[in-house]
Amino acid sequence: MFYDLHMHSCLSPCADDDMTPNNICNMAVLKGLEMIAVTDHNSCKQLPAIDKVAKNLPLRLLYGCEIQTQEEVHVLGIFNELGKSQTIQKWLDERMPNIKNDEDYFGHQYVMNENDELIEKEDRLLLVSIDASIEETIQAIHDFGGKVIIAHVLDRQNSITTQLGFIPDGLAYDGLEVKTNEQKLRVLESHPWITEDSTYWLVDSDAHRLIDISEPDYFLQKHVVRELWGDGK
């Protein structure tokens, strides 16, 4: 299945305002993707509308969020059911600092309905670290029935290798996200305790603009999708 499991909607202040539920889902279909996840910063509030849109398209939707831990490491939680994502939202709300968003500086945080109509503005700034360590965040994602993907592991900002210096041996993630196959080789060379077959590898766009959503360049075998998230609908 051709996929992109890391992209941001207009709920994320760093994303374009035209990253609406309909625009995202239809652009994914136009580009030839078969499975996507929208992963806004520290929030799953956009997912109910995206779920309604995706149901009318030849597209499998997974339900995600990109959580920033106390260490300022970005971790993707990817769920196979909408309800699971809404349950972890309560956990996130309890651990989010109450810092007001400055729209003029950070950008808008829009929640849309399935018709791309504005229904809410998220007032709390989402570009923050929650009050939970990376280990606590991983445990929570698993407890709520999700899979853990460590995001953009070699990026210069908010990657695990930037913040911690390395990927700890024994950390209970399910997959690692890289930008290219060359990055995958670099991870393997610098982490002898990680092997190619010891984890799942994802190459995602981290799109903040419609044009940046992935082309159908990378795929997951269907048996891998089943192992991670079941058969779906």
C-alpha atoms as a PDB file:
ATOM      1  CA  MET A   1       0.000   0.000   0.000  1.00  0.00           C
ATOM      2  CA  PHE A   2       1.399   3.384  -1.013  1.00  0.00           C
ATOM      3  CA  TYR A   3       1.315   5.555   2.087  1.00  0.00           C
ATOM      4  CA  ASP A   4       2.139   8.786   3.855  1.00  0.00           C
ATOM      5  CA  LEU A   5       1.674   8.514   7.609  1.00  0.00           C
ATOM      6  CA  HIS A   6       2.990  11.895   8.710  1.00  0.00           C
ATOM      7  CA  MET A   7       1.315  15.121   7.629  1.00  0.00           C
ATOM      8  CA  HIS A   8      -0.209  18.148   9.309  1.00  0.00           C
ATOM      9  CA  SER A   9      -3.587  19.798   8.915  1.00  0.00           C
ATOM     10  CA  CYS A  10      -4.534  23.424   9.458  1.00  0.00           C
ATOM     11  CA  LEU A  11      -4.850  22.576  13.151  1.00  0.00           C
ATOM     12  CA  SER A  12      -1.051  22.608  13.385  1.00  0.00           C
ATOM     13  CA  PRO A  13       0.082  26.251  13.488  1.00  0.00           C
ATOM     14  CA  CYS A  14       3.084  25.509  11.294  1.00  0.00           C
ATOM     15  CA  ALA A  15       0.885  24.122   8.472  1.00  0.00           C
ATOM     16  CA  ASP A  16      -0.843  26.039   5.691  1.00  0.00           C
ATOM     17  CA  ASP A  17      -4.455  27.020   6.295  1.00  0.00           C
ATOM     18  CA  ASP A  18      -5.497  25.158   3.134  1.00  0.00           C
ATOM     19  CA  MET A  19      -4.485  21.829   4.721  1.00  0.00           C
ATOM     20  CA  THR A  20      -8.176  21.104   5.327  1.00  0.00           C
ATOM     21  CA  PRO A  21      -9.774  17.647   5.630  1.00  0.00           C
ATOM     22  CA  ASN A  22     -11.083  17.603   2.058  1.00  0.00           C
ATOM     23  CA  ASN A  23      -7.944  19.073   0.530  1.00  0.00           C
ATOM     24  CA  ILE A  24      -5.676  16.607   2.317  1.00  0.00           C
ATOM     25  CA  CYS A  25      -7.716  13.491   1.509  1.00  0.00           C
ATOM     26  CA  ASN A  26      -8.375  14.400  -2.100  1.00  0.00           C
ATOM     27  CA  MET A  27      -4.766  15.397  -2.744  1.00  0.00           C
ATOM     28  CA  ALA A  28      -3.668  12.041  -1.338  1.00  0.00           C
ATOM     29  CA  VAL A  29      -5.997  10.243  -3.742  1.00  0.00           C
ATOM     30  CA  LEU A  30      -4.885  12.386  -6.683  1.00  0.00           C
ATOM     31  CA  LYS A  31      -1.279  11.535  -5.901  1.00  0.00           C
ATOM     32  CA  GLY A  32      -2.049   7.813  -5.870  1.00  0.00           C
ATOM     33  CA  LEU A  33      -1.733   7.120  -2.151  1.00  0.00           C
ATOM     34  CA  GLU A  34      -3.746   4.307  -0.609  1.00  0.00           C
ATOM     35  CA  MET A  35      -3.221   4.939   3.100  1.00  0.00           C
ATOM     36  CA  ILE A  36      -2.575   8.119   5.102  1.00  0.00           C
ATOM     37  CA  ALA A  37      -2.417   9.394   8.652  1.00  0.00           C
ATOM     38  CA  VAL A  38      -2.829  13.023   9.668  1.00  0.00           C
ATOM     39  CA  THR A  39      -0.607  13.733  12.667  1.00  0.00           C
ATOM     40  CA  ASP A  40      -1.111  17.192  14.115  1.00  0.00           C
ATOM     41  CA  HIS A  41       1.048  18.465  16.928  1.00  0.00           C
ATOM     42  CA  ASN A  42      -0.217  17.241  20.310  1.00  0.00           C
ATOM     43  CA  SER A  43      -3.809  16.970  19.095  1.00  0.00           C
ATOM     44  CA  CYS A  44      -6.266  14.556  17.479  1.00  0.00           C
ATOM     45  CA  LYS A  45      -9.143  17.058  17.242  1.00  0.00           C
ATOM     46  CA  GLN A  46      -9.121  17.243  13.424  1.00  0.00           C
ATOM     47  CA  LEU A  47      -9.479  13.502  12.959  1.00  0.00           C
ATOM     48  CA  PRO A  48     -13.294  13.121  13.229  1.00  0.00           C
ATOM     49  CA  ALA A  49     -13.788  15.373  10.193  1.00  0.00           C
ATOM     50  CA  ILE A  50     -10.983  13.697   8.243  1.00  0.00           C
ATOM     51  CA  ASP A  51     -12.560  10.326   9.049  1.00  0.00           C
ATOM     52  CA  LYS A  52     -15.887  11.403   7.509  1.00  0.00           C
ATOM     53  CA  VAL A  53     -14.171  12.655   4.360  1.00  0.00           C
ATOM     54  CA  ALA A  54     -11.975   9.578   3.913  1.00  0.00           C
ATOM     55  CA  LYS A  55     -14.938   7.200   4.145  1.00  0.00           C
ATOM     56  CA  ASN A  56     -16.170   8.478   0.782  1.00  0.00           C
ATOM     57  CA  LEU A  57     -12.818   7.998  -0.933  1.00  0.00           C
ATOM     58  CA  PRO A  58     -10.662   5.013  -1.967  1.00  0.00           C
ATOM     59  CA  LEU A  59      -8.358   5.705   0.931  1.00  0.00           C
ATOM     60  CA  ARG A  60      -7.516   3.926   4.145  1.00  0.00           C
ATOM     61  CA  LEU A  61      -7.195   6.327   7.050  1.00  0.00           C
ATOM     62  CA  LEU A  62      -5.131   5.776  10.159  1.00  0.00           C
ATOM     63  CA  TYR A  63      -5.481   8.148  13.095  1.00  0.00           C
ATOM     64  CA  GLY A  64      -2.419   9.890  14.394  1.00  0.00           C
ATOM     65  CA  CYS A  65      -0.806  12.678  16.342  1.00  0.00           C
ATOM     66  CA  GLU A  66       2.747  13.938  16.706  1.00  0.00           C
ATOM     67  CA  ILE A  67       3.560  14.266  20.385  1.00  0.00           C
ATOM     68  CA  GLN A  68       6.420  16.392  21.674  1.00  0.00           C
ATOM     69  CA  THR A  69       7.846  14.823  24.826  1.00  0.00           C
ATOM     70  CA  GLN A  70       9.597  16.497  27.761  1.00  0.00           C
ATOM     71  CA  GLU A  71      12.882  15.875  25.942  1.00  0.00           C
ATOM     72  CA  GLU A  72      11.489  17.802  22.910  1.00  0.00           C
ATOM     73  CA  VAL A  73      11.524  14.575  20.885  1.00  0.00           C
ATOM     74  CA  HIS A  74       8.746  14.103  18.335  1.00  0.00           C
ATOM     75  CA  VAL A  75       6.907  10.775  18.546  1.00  0.00           C
ATOM     76  CA  LEU A  76       4.088   9.637  16.265  1.00  0.00           C
ATOM     77  CA  GLY A  77       1.193   7.748  17.784  1.00  0.00           C
ATOM     78  CA  ILE A  78      -0.731   5.916  15.036  1.00  0.00           C
ATOM     79  CA  PHE A  79      -4.064   4.240  15.805  1.00  0.00           C
ATOM     80  CA  ASN A  80      -6.337   2.019  13.730  1.00  0.00           C
ATOM     81  CA  GLU A  81      -9.582   3.381  15.190  1.00  0.00           C
ATOM     82  CA  LEU A  82     -10.894   6.916  15.583  1.00  0.00           C
ATOM     83  CA  GLY A  83     -12.089   6.191  19.113  1.00  0.00           C
ATOM     84  CA  LYS A  84      -8.612   5.286  20.297  1.00  0.00           C
ATOM     85  CA  SER A  85      -7.241   8.600  19.058  1.00  0.00           C
ATOM     86  CA  GLN A  86      -9.991  10.502  20.858  1.00  0.00           C
ATOM     87  CA  THR A  87      -9.205   8.656  24.083  1.00  0.00           C
ATOM     88  CA  ILE A  88      -5.541   9.635  24.025  1.00  0.00           C
ATOM     89  CA  GLN A  89      -6.684  13.216  23.409  1.00  0.00           C
ATOM     90  CA  LYS A  90      -7.884  13.305  27.014  1.00  0.00           C
ATOM     91  CA  TRP A  91      -4.447  12.131  28.168  1.00  0.00           C
ATOM     92  CA  LEU A  92      -2.798  14.858  26.070  1.00  0.00           C
ATOM     93  CA  ASP A  93      -5.118  17.558  27.421  1.00  0.00           C
ATOM     94  CA  GLU A  94      -4.102  16.688  30.965  1.00  0.00           C
ATOM     95  CA  ARG A  95      -0.403  17.088  30.142  1.00  0.00           C
ATOM     96  CA  MET A  96      -0.466  20.153  27.903  1.00  0.00           C
ATOM     97  CA  PRO A  97       0.862  23.401  29.374  1.00  0.00           C
ATOM     98  CA  ASN A  98      -1.663  26.219  29.276  1.00  0.00           C
ATOM     99  CA  ILE A  99       0.213  28.540  26.926  1.00  0.00           C
ATOM    100  CA  LYS A 100      -1.964  30.715  24.695  1.00  0.00           C
ATOM    101  CA  ASN A 101      -1.287  30.582  20.966  1.00  0.00           C
ATOM    102  CA  ASP A 102      -0.125  33.776  19.269  1.00  0.00           C
ATOM    103  CA  GLU A 103      -1.675  33.474  15.811  1.00  0.00           C
ATOM    104  CA  ASP A 104       0.372  36.323  14.396  1.00  0.00           C
ATOM    105  CA  TYR A 105       3.617  34.609  15.391  1.00  0.00           C
ATOM    106  CA  PHE A 106       2.956  30.866  15.277  1.00  0.00           C
ATOM    107  CA  GLY A 107      -0.012  30.605  12.880  1.00  0.00           C
ATOM    108  CA  HIS A 108      -3.655  29.589  13.047  1.00  0.00           C
ATOM    109  CA  GLN A 109      -4.887  26.447  14.798  1.00  0.00           C
ATOM    110  CA  TYR A 110      -8.138  25.689  12.959  1.00  0.00           C
ATOM    111  CA  VAL A 111     -10.444  22.738  13.603  1.00  0.00           C
ATOM    112  CA  MET A 112     -12.702  22.052  10.595  1.00  0.00           C
ATOM    113  CA  ASN A 113     -15.761  19.916   9.987  1.00  0.00           C
ATOM    114  CA  GLU A 114     -16.155  17.503   7.075  1.00  0.00           C
ATOM    115  CA  ASN A 115     -17.232  20.420   4.833  1.00  0.00           C
ATOM    116  CA  ASP A 116     -14.043  22.357   5.559  1.00  0.00           C
ATOM    117  CA  GLU A 117     -15.986  24.823   7.671  1.00  0.00           C
ATOM    118  CA  LEU A 118     -14.318  26.332  10.729  1.00  0.00           C
ATOM    119  CA  ILE A 119     -15.871  24.988  13.930  1.00  0.00           C
ATOM    120  CA  GLU A 120     -13.213  25.791  16.517  1.00  0.00           C
ATOM    121  CA  LYS A 121      -9.939  27.573  17.101  1.00  0.00           C
ATOM    122  CA  GLU A 122      -7.547  25.781  19.423  1.00  0.00           C
ATOM    123  CA  ASP A 123      -6.448  28.490  21.854  1.00  0.00           C
ATOM    124  CA  ARG A 124      -3.609  26.607  23.553  1.00  0.00           C
ATOM    125  CA  LEU A 125      -0.333  26.591  21.671  1.00  0.00           C
ATOM    126  CA  LEU A 126       0.285  23.109  20.275  1.00  0.00           C
ATOM    127  CA  LEU A 127       3.992  23.573  19.537  1.00  0.00           C
ATOM    128  CA  VAL A 128       5.062  22.692  23.071  1.00  0.00           C
ATOM    129  CA  SER A 129       6.397  19.786  25.080  1.00  0.00           C
ATOM    130  CA  ILE A 130       3.852  17.886  27.125  1.00  0.00           C
ATOM    131  CA  ASP A 131       4.469  16.854  30.717  1.00  0.00           C
ATOM    132  CA  ALA A 132       5.566  13.301  29.906  1.00  0.00           C
ATOM    133  CA  SER A 133       8.900  11.687  29.128  1.00  0.00           C
ATOM    134  CA  ILE A 134       9.533   9.744  25.952  1.00  0.00           C
ATOM    135  CA  GLU A 135       9.141   6.477  27.876  1.00  0.00           C
ATOM    136  CA  GLU A 136       5.854   7.645  29.411  1.00  0.00           C
ATOM    137  CA  THR A 137       4.591   8.805  26.006  1.00  0.00           C
ATOM    138  CA  ILE A 138       5.431   5.495  24.354  1.00  0.00           C
ATOM    139  CA  GLN A 139       3.699   3.615  27.166  1.00  0.00           C
ATOM    140  CA  ALA A 140       0.576   5.769  26.838  1.00  0.00           C
ATOM    141  CA  ILE A 141       0.344   5.257  23.068  1.00  0.00           C
ATOM    142  CA  HIS A 142       0.587   1.510  23.563  1.00  0.00           C
ATOM    143  CA  ASP A 143      -1.898   1.577  26.439  1.00  0.00           C
ATOM    144  CA  PHE A 144      -4.434   3.327  24.216  1.00  0.00           C
ATOM    145  CA  GLY A 145      -3.952   0.761  21.456  1.00  0.00           C
ATOM    146  CA  GLY A 146      -1.610   2.608  19.115  1.00  0.00           C
ATOM    147  CA  LYS A 147       1.742   2.025  17.491  1.00  0.00           C
ATOM    148  CA  VAL A 148       4.779   4.187  18.167  1.00  0.00           C
ATOM    149  CA  ILE A 149       6.865   5.605  15.342  1.00  0.00           C
ATOM    150  CA  ILE A 150       9.850   7.757  16.335  1.00  0.00           C
ATOM    151  CA  ALA A 151       9.566  10.731  13.977  1.00  0.00           C
ATOM    152  CA  HIS A 152      12.238  12.006  11.568  1.00  0.00           C
ATOM    153  CA  VAL A 153      15.030  10.379  13.554  1.00  0.00           C
ATOM    154  CA  LEU A 154      17.893  12.287  11.888  1.00  0.00           C
ATOM    155  CA  ASP A 155      16.355  15.751  11.599  1.00  0.00           C
ATOM    156  CA  ARG A 156      18.195  18.682  13.131  1.00  0.00           C
ATOM    157  CA  GLN A 157      15.143  19.758  15.143  1.00  0.00           C
ATOM    158  CA  ASN A 158      13.112  17.644  17.556  1.00  0.00           C
ATOM    159  CA  SER A 159      14.613  14.343  16.469  1.00  0.00           C
ATOM    160  CA  ILE A 160      15.640  11.717  18.960  1.00  0.00           C
ATOM    161  CA  THR A 161      19.249  11.814  17.737  1.00  0.00           C
ATOM    162  CA  THR A 162      19.413  15.595  18.073  1.00  0.00           C
ATOM    163  CA  GLN A 163      17.839  15.726  21.517  1.00  0.00           C
ATOM    164  CA  LEU A 164      19.319  12.567  23.063  1.00  0.00           C
ATOM    165  CA  GLY A 165      22.299  11.980  20.771  1.00  0.00           C
ATOM    166  CA  PHE A 166      21.246   8.443  19.842  1.00  0.00           C
ATOM    167  CA  ILE A 167      18.313   6.000  19.763  1.00  0.00           C
ATOM    168  CA  PRO A 168      18.455   4.168  23.116  1.00  0.00           C
ATOM    169  CA  ASP A 169      18.767   0.403  23.057  1.00  0.00           C
ATOM    170  CA  GLY A 170      15.589  -1.153  24.402  1.00  0.00           C
ATOM    171  CA  LEU A 171      13.296   1.813  23.752  1.00  0.00           C
ATOM    172  CA  ALA A 172       9.881   0.264  23.057  1.00  0.00           C
ATOM    173  CA  TYR A 173       9.023   1.860  19.717  1.00  0.00           C
ATOM    174  CA  ASP A 174       7.393  -0.010  16.839  1.00  0.00           C
ATOM    175  CA  GLY A 175       9.037   1.822  13.958  1.00  0.00           C
ATOM    176  CA  LEU A 176      11.528   4.467  12.917  1.00  0.00           C
ATOM    177  CA  GLU A 177      10.798   7.247  10.440  1.00  0.00           C
ATOM    178  CA  VAL A 178      13.505   8.382   8.035  1.00  0.00           C
ATOM    179  CA  LYS A 179      13.416  10.724   5.052  1.00  0.00           C
ATOM    180  CA  THR A 180      15.436   8.554   2.647  1.00  0.00           C
ATOM    181  CA  ASN A 181      16.962   5.105   2.372  1.00  0.00           C
ATOM    182  CA  GLU A 182      20.344   6.778   2.827  1.00  0.00           C
ATOM    183  CA  GLN A 183      19.215   7.955   6.264  1.00  0.00           C
ATOM    184  CA  LYS A 184      18.202   4.399   7.095  1.00  0.00           C
ATOM    185  CA  LEU A 185      21.729   3.229   6.336  1.00  0.00           C
ATOM    186  CA  ARG A 186      23.151   5.968   8.549  1.00  0.00           C
ATOM    187  CA  VAL A 187      20.943   4.867  11.433  1.00  0.00           C
ATOM    188  CA  LEU A 188      22.061   1.258  11.016  1.00  0.00           C
ATOM    189  CA  GLU A 189      25.732   2.224  10.837  1.00  0.00           C
ATOM    190  CA  SER A 190      25.604   4.367  13.982  1.00  0.00           C
ATOM    191  CA  HIS A 191      23.368   2.041  16.048  1.00  0.00           C
ATOM    192  CA  PRO A 192      24.723  -1.526  15.964  1.00  0.00           C
ATOM    193  CA  TRP A 193      21.918  -2.683  18.292  1.00  0.00           C
ATOM    194  CA  ILE A 194      19.388  -1.808  15.545  1.00  0.00           C
ATOM    195  CA  THR A 195      19.135  -4.160  12.582  1.00  0.00           C
ATOM    196  CA  GLU A 196      17.155  -3.785   9.392  1.00  0.00           C
ATOM    197  CA  ASP A 197      14.714  -6.472  10.499  1.00  0.00           C
ATOM    198  CA  SER A 198      14.420  -5.444  14.148  1.00  0.00           C
ATOM    199  CA  THR A 199      11.950  -2.631  13.500  1.00  0.00           C
ATOM    200  CA  TYR A 200       9.612  -1.218  10.873  1.00  0.00           C
ATOM    201  CA  TRP A 201      10.934   1.613   8.688  1.00  0.00           C
ATOM    202  CA  LEU A 202       8.743   4.403   7.342  1.00  0.00           C
ATOM    203  CA  VAL A 203       9.514   7.173   4.867  1.00  0.00           C
ATOM    204  CA  ASP A 204       6.974   9.973   5.246  1.00  0.00           C
ATOM    205  CA  SER A 205       6.598  13.536   4.010  1.00  0.00           C
ATOM    206  CA  ASP A 206       5.922  15.454   7.252  1.00  0.00           C
ATOM    207  CA  ALA A 207       3.910  17.637   4.877  1.00  0.00           C
ATOM    208  CA  HIS A 208       2.799  21.081   6.004  1.00  0.00           C
ATOM    209  CA  ARG A 209       1.637  22.048   2.489  1.00  0.00           C
ATOM    210  CA  LEU A 210      -0.544  20.166   0.030  1.00  0.00           C
ATOM    211  CA  ILE A 211       2.210  20.036  -2.569  1.00  0.00           C
ATOM    212  CA  ASP A 212       4.508  18.263  -0.107  1.00  0.00           C
ATOM    213  CA  ILE A 213       2.251  15.251   0.497  1.00  0.00           C
ATOM    214  CA  SER A 214       4.136  12.174  -0.700  1.00  0.00           C
ATOM    215  CA  GLU A 215       4.045  10.814  -4.195  1.00  0.00           C
ATOM    216  CA  PRO A 216       3.476   7.024  -4.434  1.00  0.00           C
ATOM    217  CA  ASP A 217       7.178   6.282  -3.995  1.00  0.00           C
ATOM    218  CA  TYR A 218       7.111   4.161  -0.853  1.00  0.00           C
ATOM    219  CA  PHE A 219       4.851   1.293   0.099  1.00  0.00           C
ATOM    220  CA  LEU A 220       4.197  -1.123   2.933  1.00  0.00           C
ATOM    221  CA  GLN A 221       3.410  -4.725   2.191  1.00  0.00           C
ATOM    222  CA  LYS A 222      -0.158  -5.547   3.158  1.00  0.00           C
ATOM    223  CA  HIS A 223       1.002  -8.158   5.648  1.00  0.00           C
ATOM    224  CA  VAL A 224       3.049  -5.448   7.393  1.00  0.00           C
ATOM    225  CA  VAL A 225       0.001  -3.180   7.551  1.00  0.00           C
ATOM    226  CA  ARG A 226      -2.000  -6.044   9.052  1.00  0.00           C
ATOM    227  CA  GLU A 227       0.728  -6.740  11.614  1.00  0.00           C
ATOM    228  CA  LEU A 228       0.737  -3.112  12.719  1.00  0.00           C
ATOM    229  CA  TRP A 229      -2.857  -1.947  12.355  1.00  0.00           C
ATOM    230  CA  GLY A 230      -5.043  -4.884  11.336  1.00  0.00           C
ATOM    231  CA  ASP A 231      -7.099  -5.310   8.189  1.00  0.00           C
ATOM    232  CA  GLY A 232      -9.043  -2.071   8.469  1.00  0.00           C
ATOM    233  CA  LYS A 233     -12.417  -1.459   6.944  1.00  0.00           C
END
